[in-house]
Structures are given as structure tokens and as C-alpha cells.
Amino acid sequence: MSTIISAGPPGEARSSDLISSAAGSANARRARVVIRHLDPWSVLKVSLLFYFCVMIVGLFALAIVYWVLGSMGALASISNFVTDVTGARKAYVINGGWIFVRVFITGIGSVVVWSLVNLCLAVLYNLISDVVGGIRVTLAEPK
């Protein structure tokens, strides 16, 4: 018994879409599908969520590095070095809150910019796939 897997409308499946399994297993099925369209709205939603998660991970990594440097006394050493080099009367202080607010604002800006880049790429892909027909993908069931 053979089954045809199709990603398109029900009437679009052809018998040539079914490819025999290389292992010869009766249960393994493979099908060719074509990615012809990416929904720009779903690309934007996934991109926003993905880049926001990357930003949060980056902020946590920066917080850990800042905490380790503070625990080792490296931040105090840097502050003393900058005060000595500049010859300032007032001691130089590294303000973690100021740094993290700026990094967060920059991260939010990056999330928006890169999500819009992905949106533009999805629209561009849709325009190009109308001309060349999309990307062919072969799907197979695991053995």
C-alpha cells in the first residue's frame, strides 16, 4: 500500500511525488514537496519571539560576566586604573544599571531591525518563488 504525502491542495498531488525508499522498507514513505510561499505575518511573529529570546539570553550572559568581574574585583581595579590615568579628583565608578539599560534598549532595537530584515527576506522569497517555483524538499518518515 502506498500513500502520497502532499503539502499542496488535495488535487495537486501526483503519483510522481512518491519516491521509493532506499532501504526497501514497506513502512518508510518519502515525498517531494515545494515551498512556494512564506506567510510574512508568521515570519514576523516567529522572528520577534526568536530575537527577543536571543536578547534575553545575551542579557543574562552579560549579567553573569558582570557579576563574576565584580566578585573577582576586576571592576574595582578598572575603576582605580581609569581614575589614575585621567587624574580625576573624583573616583571613576562603573555603573552597572546604566550599562544594562543601554544594552536592553540596544537589544530591543536589534530585535525590531532584524525582525524587519526577516520580513523583507520573506517577501523577497515570495517574489522570487513566483518566478522560479520555490524550493523542493524531500520529506521522509524516520526508520
Protein backbone atom coordinates (compact mmCIF):
# COMPACT_ATOMS: atom_id res chain seq x y z
CA MET A 1 0.00 0.00 0.00
CA SER A 2 1.48 3.39 -0.98
CA THR A 3 0.44 6.74 0.32
CA ILE A 4 1.24 10.09 -1.22
CA ILE A 5 2.14 12.96 1.10
CA SER A 6 1.45 16.39 -0.35
CA ALA A 7 1.86 19.87 1.09
CA GLY A 8 -0.34 21.47 -1.56
CA PRO A 9 -4.07 21.39 -2.23
CA PRO A 10 -5.68 17.92 -2.42
CA GLY A 11 -5.95 17.91 -6.22
CA GLU A 12 -2.29 18.86 -6.69
CA ALA A 13 -0.72 15.53 -5.64
CA ARG A 14 0.74 13.41 -8.45
CA SER A 15 1.91 9.82 -8.42
CA SER A 16 5.41 11.03 -9.37
CA ASP A 17 5.59 12.71 -5.95
CA LEU A 18 6.04 9.32 -4.29
CA ILE A 19 9.65 8.13 -4.11
CA SER A 20 10.54 4.57 -3.23
CA SER A 21 12.51 4.08 -0.05
CA ALA A 22 16.21 3.31 -0.47
CA ALA A 23 16.06 0.73 2.33
CA GLY A 24 13.10 -1.03 0.74
CA SER A 25 11.07 -0.90 3.93
CA ALA A 26 7.33 -1.23 3.37
CA ASN A 27 6.53 1.38 6.02
CA ALA A 28 9.00 4.12 5.03
CA ARG A 29 7.46 6.83 2.87
CA ARG A 30 9.14 9.74 1.15
CA ALA A 31 7.52 12.65 -0.65
CA ARG A 32 8.70 15.68 -2.55
CA VAL A 33 7.09 18.98 -1.63
CA VAL A 34 7.70 22.52 -2.79
CA ILE A 35 7.83 25.55 -0.51
CA ARG A 36 6.19 28.19 -2.67
CA HIS A 37 5.07 30.79 -0.14
CA LEU A 38 6.11 32.07 3.30
CA ASP A 39 3.47 33.96 5.22
CA PRO A 40 5.10 37.33 6.10
CA TRP A 41 2.98 37.75 9.24
CA SER A 42 4.06 34.37 10.66
CA VAL A 43 7.70 35.09 9.74
CA LEU A 44 7.46 38.41 11.63
CA LYS A 45 5.92 36.79 14.73
CA VAL A 46 8.48 33.99 14.87
CA SER A 47 11.35 36.42 14.25
CA LEU A 48 10.22 38.78 17.01
CA LEU A 49 9.95 35.95 19.51
CA PHE A 50 13.24 34.34 18.43
CA TYR A 51 15.31 37.53 18.55
CA PHE A 52 13.71 38.58 21.85
CA CYS A 53 14.75 35.23 23.36
CA VAL A 54 18.28 35.70 21.98
CA MET A 55 18.38 39.18 23.55
CA ILE A 56 17.26 37.83 26.96
CA VAL A 57 19.92 35.10 26.84
CA GLY A 58 22.53 37.73 25.94
CA LEU A 59 21.45 39.95 28.84
CA PHE A 60 21.68 37.03 31.28
CA ALA A 61 25.14 36.17 29.94
CA LEU A 62 26.23 39.80 30.37
CA ALA A 63 24.83 39.83 33.91
CA ILE A 64 26.81 36.70 34.77
CA VAL A 65 30.02 38.16 33.32
CA TYR A 66 29.41 41.44 35.20
CA TRP A 67 28.80 39.55 38.46
CA VAL A 68 31.95 37.43 38.02
CA LEU A 69 34.08 40.51 37.24
CA GLY A 70 32.63 42.26 40.29
CA SER A 71 33.29 39.24 42.51
CA MET A 72 36.89 39.00 41.34
CA GLY A 73 37.47 42.70 41.97
CA ALA A 74 38.19 43.42 38.30
CA LEU A 75 35.61 46.22 38.13
CA ALA A 76 37.21 47.99 41.10
CA SER A 77 40.64 47.60 39.51
CA ILE A 78 39.38 49.07 36.24
CA SER A 79 37.79 51.98 38.13
CA ASN A 80 41.05 52.68 40.01
CA PHE A 81 43.07 52.44 36.77
CA VAL A 82 40.79 54.89 34.93
CA THR A 83 40.89 57.30 37.89
CA ASP A 84 44.72 57.14 37.97
CA VAL A 85 45.11 57.58 34.21
CA THR A 86 42.70 60.51 33.92
CA GLY A 87 43.97 62.18 37.09
CA ALA A 88 40.44 62.98 38.18
CA ARG A 89 39.78 64.19 41.70
CA LYS A 90 36.62 62.13 41.89
CA ALA A 91 36.86 58.31 41.66
CA TYR A 92 35.53 56.76 38.45
CA VAL A 93 32.63 54.37 39.10
CA ILE A 94 31.33 51.69 36.73
CA ASN A 95 27.54 51.90 36.90
CA GLY A 96 26.00 48.51 36.08
CA GLY A 97 22.45 49.85 35.91
CA TRP A 98 23.43 52.42 33.27
CA ILE A 99 25.18 49.72 31.23
CA PHE A 100 22.25 47.27 31.39
CA VAL A 101 19.64 49.88 30.47
CA ARG A 102 21.67 50.85 27.39
CA VAL A 103 22.24 47.22 26.40
CA PHE A 104 18.50 46.49 26.82
CA ILE A 105 17.49 49.46 24.65
CA THR A 106 20.04 48.46 22.01
CA GLY A 107 18.76 44.87 22.19
CA ILE A 108 15.15 45.93 21.64
CA GLY A 109 16.27 47.99 18.65
CA SER A 110 18.15 44.99 17.26
CA VAL A 111 15.10 42.74 17.75
CA VAL A 112 12.95 45.13 15.71
CA VAL A 113 15.56 45.70 12.99
CA TRP A 114 16.41 42.03 12.46
CA SER A 115 12.74 41.00 12.53
CA LEU A 116 12.03 43.56 9.80
CA VAL A 117 15.01 42.20 7.83
CA ASN A 118 13.49 38.70 8.06
CA LEU A 119 10.11 40.10 6.98
CA CYS A 120 11.70 41.71 3.92
CA LEU A 121 13.51 38.45 3.12
CA ALA A 122 10.21 36.52 3.33
CA VAL A 123 8.55 38.96 0.92
CA LEU A 124 11.56 38.74 -1.39
CA TYR A 125 11.43 34.93 -1.24
CA ASN A 126 7.75 35.01 -2.21
CA LEU A 127 8.52 37.21 -5.21
CA ILE A 128 11.42 35.02 -6.33
CA SER A 129 9.50 31.77 -5.81
CA ASP A 130 6.79 33.06 -8.16
CA VAL A 131 9.46 33.19 -10.87
CA VAL A 132 11.50 30.03 -10.17
CA GLY A 133 8.87 27.85 -8.50
CA GLY A 134 10.10 27.64 -4.90
CA ILE A 135 12.38 25.24 -3.07
CA ARG A 136 11.95 21.48 -3.48
CA VAL A 137 12.18 19.49 -0.25
CA THR A 138 12.06 15.71 0.15
CA LEU A 139 10.29 14.57 3.30
CA ALA A 140 10.82 11.08 4.67
CA GLU A 141 9.47 9.18 7.62
CA PRO A 142 12.05 8.08 10.17
CA LYS A 143 13.08 4.43 10.03
